[in-house]
Amino acid sequence: MDVIRIICAIILPPLGVFLQVGLGFHFWLNILLTLLGYIPGIVHAVWVIVKK
């Protein structure tokens, strides 16, 4: 299941975070990071998925 989340995180970073933690702090932080730059959003999303 983590592989699917990581693939979602690469395509659409907030989706990967949402699938992992729901509508929490990390989801909103990831939306902000994705808006500021696509790569920081991907890095954060993969980090959240691998960490848990």
PDB file of N, CA and C in Angstrom:
ATOM      1  N   MET A   1       0.821  -1.196   0.000  1.00  0.00           N
ATOM      2  CA  MET A   1       0.000   0.000   0.000  1.00  0.00           C
ATOM      3  C   MET A   1       0.866   1.261   0.000  1.00  0.00           C
ATOM      4  N   ASP A   2       2.041   1.209   0.637  1.00  0.00           N
ATOM      5  CA  ASP A   2       2.914   2.374   0.650  1.00  0.00           C
ATOM      6  C   ASP A   2       3.386   2.729  -0.747  1.00  0.00           C
ATOM      7  N   VAL A   3       3.547   1.746  -1.607  1.00  0.00           N
ATOM      8  CA  VAL A   3       3.995   2.016  -2.979  1.00  0.00           C
ATOM      9  C   VAL A   3       2.940   2.844  -3.705  1.00  0.00           C
ATOM     10  N   ILE A   4       1.686   2.527  -3.517  1.00  0.00           N
ATOM     11  CA  ILE A   4       0.604   3.286  -4.152  1.00  0.00           C
ATOM     12  C   ILE A   4       0.579   4.708  -3.613  1.00  0.00           C
ATOM     13  N   ARG A   5       0.769   4.866  -2.306  1.00  0.00           N
ATOM     14  CA  ARG A   5       0.796   6.207  -1.714  1.00  0.00           C
ATOM     15  C   ARG A   5       1.974   7.019  -2.236  1.00  0.00           C
ATOM     16  N   ILE A   6       3.128   6.401  -2.406  1.00  0.00           N
ATOM     17  CA  ILE A   6       4.296   7.118  -2.915  1.00  0.00           C
ATOM     18  C   ILE A   6       4.073   7.532  -4.370  1.00  0.00           C
ATOM     19  N   ILE A   7       3.474   6.668  -5.162  1.00  0.00           N
ATOM     20  CA  ILE A   7       3.161   7.030  -6.548  1.00  0.00           C
ATOM     21  C   ILE A   7       2.175   8.199  -6.580  1.00  0.00           C
ATOM     22  N   CYS A   8       1.154   8.157  -5.711  1.00  0.00           N
ATOM     23  CA  CYS A   8       0.214   9.279  -5.620  1.00  0.00           C
ATOM     24  C   CYS A   8       0.932  10.545  -5.169  1.00  0.00           C
ATOM     25  N   ALA A   9       1.895  10.406  -4.272  1.00  0.00           N
ATOM     26  CA  ALA A   9       2.636  11.563  -3.771  1.00  0.00           C
ATOM     27  C   ALA A   9       3.492  12.193  -4.861  1.00  0.00           C
ATOM     28  N   ILE A  10       3.971  11.412  -5.787  1.00  0.00           N
ATOM     29  CA  ILE A  10       4.773  11.961  -6.884  1.00  0.00           C
ATOM     30  C   ILE A  10       3.873  12.668  -7.894  1.00  0.00           C
ATOM     31  N   ILE A  11       2.721  12.092  -8.165  1.00  0.00           N
ATOM     32  CA  ILE A  11       1.804  12.691  -9.136  1.00  0.00           C
ATOM     33  C   ILE A  11       1.094  13.910  -8.536  1.00  0.00           C
ATOM     34  N   LEU A  12       0.543  13.758  -7.326  1.00  0.00           N
ATOM     35  CA  LEU A  12      -0.192  14.831  -6.652  1.00  0.00           C
ATOM     36  C   LEU A  12       0.124  14.738  -5.155  1.00  0.00           C
ATOM     37  N   PRO A  13       1.126  15.477  -4.692  1.00  0.00           N
ATOM     38  CA  PRO A  13       1.618  15.333  -3.324  1.00  0.00           C
ATOM     39  C   PRO A  13       0.555  15.409  -2.217  1.00  0.00           C
ATOM     40  N   PRO A  14      -0.403  16.349  -2.255  1.00  0.00           N
ATOM     41  CA  PRO A  14      -1.395  16.371  -1.171  1.00  0.00           C
ATOM     42  C   PRO A  14      -2.258  15.104  -1.105  1.00  0.00           C
ATOM     43  N   LEU A  15      -2.470  14.459  -2.232  1.00  0.00           N
ATOM     44  CA  LEU A  15      -3.253  13.223  -2.232  1.00  0.00           C
ATOM     45  C   LEU A  15      -2.530  12.119  -1.474  1.00  0.00           C
ATOM     46  N   GLY A  16      -1.237  11.993  -1.686  1.00  0.00           N
ATOM     47  CA  GLY A  16      -0.463  10.984  -0.962  1.00  0.00           C
ATOM     48  C   GLY A  16      -0.478  11.227   0.535  1.00  0.00           C
ATOM     49  N   VAL A  17      -0.366  12.488   0.949  1.00  0.00           N
ATOM     50  CA  VAL A  17      -0.407  12.820   2.373  1.00  0.00           C
ATOM     51  C   VAL A  17      -1.797  12.573   2.930  1.00  0.00           C
ATOM     52  N   PHE A  18      -2.830  12.929   2.179  1.00  0.00           N
ATOM     53  CA  PHE A  18      -4.206  12.704   2.632  1.00  0.00           C
ATOM     54  C   PHE A  18      -4.476  11.224   2.842  1.00  0.00           C
ATOM     55  N   LEU A  19      -3.995  10.386   1.940  1.00  0.00           N
ATOM     56  CA  LEU A  19      -4.205   8.945   2.096  1.00  0.00           C
ATOM     57  C   LEU A  19      -3.491   8.402   3.327  1.00  0.00           C
ATOM     58  N   GLN A  20      -2.420   9.061   3.754  1.00  0.00           N
ATOM     59  CA  GLN A  20      -1.656   8.586   4.907  1.00  0.00           C
ATOM     60  C   GLN A  20      -2.207   9.124   6.225  1.00  0.00           C
ATOM     61  N   VAL A  21      -2.460  10.438   6.302  1.00  0.00           N
ATOM     62  CA  VAL A  21      -2.805  11.044   7.601  1.00  0.00           C
ATOM     63  C   VAL A  21      -4.170  11.710   7.635  1.00  0.00           C
ATOM     64  N   GLY A  22      -4.855  11.852   6.542  1.00  0.00           N
ATOM     65  CA  GLY A  22      -6.151  12.519   6.544  1.00  0.00           C
ATOM     66  C   GLY A  22      -5.994  14.032   6.502  1.00  0.00           C
ATOM     67  N   LEU A  23      -7.007  14.741   7.008  1.00  0.00           N
ATOM     68  CA  LEU A  23      -7.026  16.202   6.948  1.00  0.00           C
ATOM     69  C   LEU A  23      -6.352  16.820   8.163  1.00  0.00           C
ATOM     70  N   GLY A  24      -5.153  16.436   8.434  1.00  0.00           N
ATOM     71  CA  GLY A  24      -4.415  16.963   9.578  1.00  0.00           C
ATOM     72  C   GLY A  24      -3.460  18.072   9.188  1.00  0.00           C
ATOM     73  N   PHE A  25      -2.574  18.389  10.108  1.00  0.00           N
ATOM     74  CA  PHE A  25      -1.589  19.455   9.918  1.00  0.00           C
ATOM     75  C   PHE A  25      -0.693  19.186   8.716  1.00  0.00           C
ATOM     76  N   HIS A  26      -0.248  17.952   8.570  1.00  0.00           N
ATOM     77  CA  HIS A  26       0.674  17.636   7.480  1.00  0.00           C
ATOM     78  C   HIS A  26       0.010  17.798   6.119  1.00  0.00           C
ATOM     79  N   PHE A  27      -1.276  17.544   6.026  1.00  0.00           N
ATOM     80  CA  PHE A  27      -1.991  17.730   4.761  1.00  0.00           C
ATOM     81  C   PHE A  27      -1.964  19.193   4.338  1.00  0.00           C
ATOM     82  N   TRP A  28      -2.319  20.087   5.264  1.00  0.00           N
ATOM     83  CA  TRP A  28      -2.358  21.517   4.941  1.00  0.00           C
ATOM     84  C   TRP A  28      -0.956  22.065   4.696  1.00  0.00           C
ATOM     85  N   LEU A  29       0.021  21.571   5.449  1.00  0.00           N
ATOM     86  CA  LEU A  29       1.398  21.980   5.212  1.00  0.00           C
ATOM     87  C   LEU A  29       1.853  21.546   3.823  1.00  0.00           C
ATOM     88  N   ASN A  30       1.444  20.361   3.425  1.00  0.00           N
ATOM     89  CA  ASN A  30       1.833  19.873   2.109  1.00  0.00           C
ATOM     90  C   ASN A  30       1.182  20.680   0.996  1.00  0.00           C
ATOM     91  N   ILE A  31      -0.049  21.091   1.176  1.00  0.00           N
ATOM     92  CA  ILE A  31      -0.691  21.954   0.174  1.00  0.00           C
ATOM     93  C   ILE A  31       0.090  23.251   0.040  1.00  0.00           C
ATOM     94  N   LEU A  32       0.484  23.834   1.163  1.00  0.00           N
ATOM     95  CA  LEU A  32       1.267  25.067   1.130  1.00  0.00           C
ATOM     96  C   LEU A  32       2.607  24.850   0.422  1.00  0.00           C
ATOM     97  N   LEU A  33       3.300  23.773   0.765  1.00  0.00           N
ATOM     98  CA  LEU A  33       4.586  23.485   0.133  1.00  0.00           C
ATOM     99  C   LEU A  33       4.438  23.217  -1.362  1.00  0.00           C
ATOM    100  N   THR A  34       3.365  22.550  -1.745  1.00  0.00           N
ATOM    101  CA  THR A  34       3.136  22.263  -3.163  1.00  0.00           C
ATOM    102  C   THR A  34       2.846  23.550  -3.936  1.00  0.00           C
ATOM    103  N   LEU A  35       2.124  24.469  -3.310  1.00  0.00           N
ATOM    104  CA  LEU A  35       1.858  25.745  -3.970  1.00  0.00           C
ATOM    105  C   LEU A  35       3.122  26.586  -4.105  1.00  0.00           C
ATOM    106  N   LEU A  36       4.016  26.480  -3.114  1.00  0.00           N
ATOM    107  CA  LEU A  36       5.266  27.236  -3.166  1.00  0.00           C
ATOM    108  C   LEU A  36       6.273  26.619  -4.139  1.00  0.00           C
ATOM    109  N   GLY A  37       6.171  25.327  -4.327  1.00  0.00           N
ATOM    110  CA  GLY A  37       7.072  24.633  -5.250  1.00  0.00           C
ATOM    111  C   GLY A  37       6.711  23.165  -5.281  1.00  0.00           C
ATOM    112  N   TYR A  38       6.630  22.614  -6.451  1.00  0.00           N
ATOM    113  CA  TYR A  38       6.189  21.232  -6.601  1.00  0.00           C
ATOM    114  C   TYR A  38       7.139  20.237  -5.927  1.00  0.00           C
ATOM    115  N   ILE A  39       8.445  20.461  -6.066  1.00  0.00           N
ATOM    116  CA  ILE A  39       9.446  19.543  -5.502  1.00  0.00           C
ATOM    117  C   ILE A  39       9.390  19.508  -3.974  1.00  0.00           C
ATOM    118  N   PRO A  40       9.299  20.647  -3.270  1.00  0.00           N
ATOM    119  CA  PRO A  40       9.170  20.564  -1.802  1.00  0.00           C
ATOM    120  C   PRO A  40       7.922  19.799  -1.372  1.00  0.00           C
ATOM    121  N   GLY A  41       6.855  19.920  -2.130  1.00  0.00           N
ATOM    122  CA  GLY A  41       5.638  19.163  -1.825  1.00  0.00           C
ATOM    123  C   GLY A  41       5.853  17.667  -1.962  1.00  0.00           C
ATOM    124  N   ILE A  42       6.575  17.251  -2.993  1.00  0.00           N
ATOM    125  CA  ILE A  42       6.867  15.830  -3.192  1.00  0.00           C
ATOM    126  C   ILE A  42       7.760  15.308  -2.071  1.00  0.00           C
ATOM    127  N   VAL A  43       8.799  16.061  -1.744  1.00  0.00           N
ATOM    128  CA  VAL A  43       9.732  15.628  -0.691  1.00  0.00           C
ATOM    129  C   VAL A  43       8.997  15.468   0.635  1.00  0.00           C
ATOM    130  N   HIS A  44       8.164  16.431   0.975  1.00  0.00           N
ATOM    131  CA  HIS A  44       7.415  16.349   2.229  1.00  0.00           C
ATOM    132  C   HIS A  44       6.444  15.176   2.211  1.00  0.00           C
ATOM    133  N   ALA A  45       5.755  14.968   1.111  1.00  0.00           N
ATOM    134  CA  ALA A  45       4.790  13.878   1.019  1.00  0.00           C
ATOM    135  C   ALA A  45       5.472  12.520   1.176  1.00  0.00           C
ATOM    136  N   VAL A  46       6.583  12.326   0.498  1.00  0.00           N
ATOM    137  CA  VAL A  46       7.306  11.052   0.618  1.00  0.00           C
ATOM    138  C   VAL A  46       7.825  10.872   2.029  1.00  0.00           C
ATOM    139  N   TRP A  47       8.314  11.946   2.643  1.00  0.00           N
ATOM    140  CA  TRP A  47       8.793  11.880   4.019  1.00  0.00           C
ATOM    141  C   TRP A  47       7.678  11.466   4.982  1.00  0.00           C
ATOM    142  N   VAL A  48       6.492  12.041   4.825  1.00  0.00           N
ATOM    143  CA  VAL A  48       5.355  11.693   5.693  1.00  0.00           C
ATOM    144  C   VAL A  48       4.970  10.229   5.505  1.00  0.00           C
ATOM    145  N   ILE A  49       4.960   9.757   4.271  1.00  0.00           N
ATOM    146  CA  ILE A  49       4.562   8.371   3.998  1.00  0.00           C
ATOM    147  C   ILE A  49       5.584   7.386   4.552  1.00  0.00           C
ATOM    148  N   VAL A  50       6.864   7.659   4.362  1.00  0.00           N
ATOM    149  CA  VAL A  50       7.892   6.741   4.815  1.00  0.00           C
ATOM    150  C   VAL A  50       8.026   6.762   6.342  1.00  0.00           C
ATOM    151  N   LYS A  51       7.797   7.918   6.944  1.00  0.00           N
ATOM    152  CA  LYS A  51       7.948   8.066   8.394  1.00  0.00           C
ATOM    153  C   LYS A  51       6.941   7.230   9.172  1.00  0.00           C
ATOM    154  N   LYS A  52       5.717   7.101   8.677  1.00  0.00           N
ATOM    155  CA  LYS A  52       4.673   6.402   9.434  1.00  0.00           C
ATOM    156  C   LYS A  52       4.523   4.968   9.034  1.00  0.00           C
TER     157      LYS A  52
END
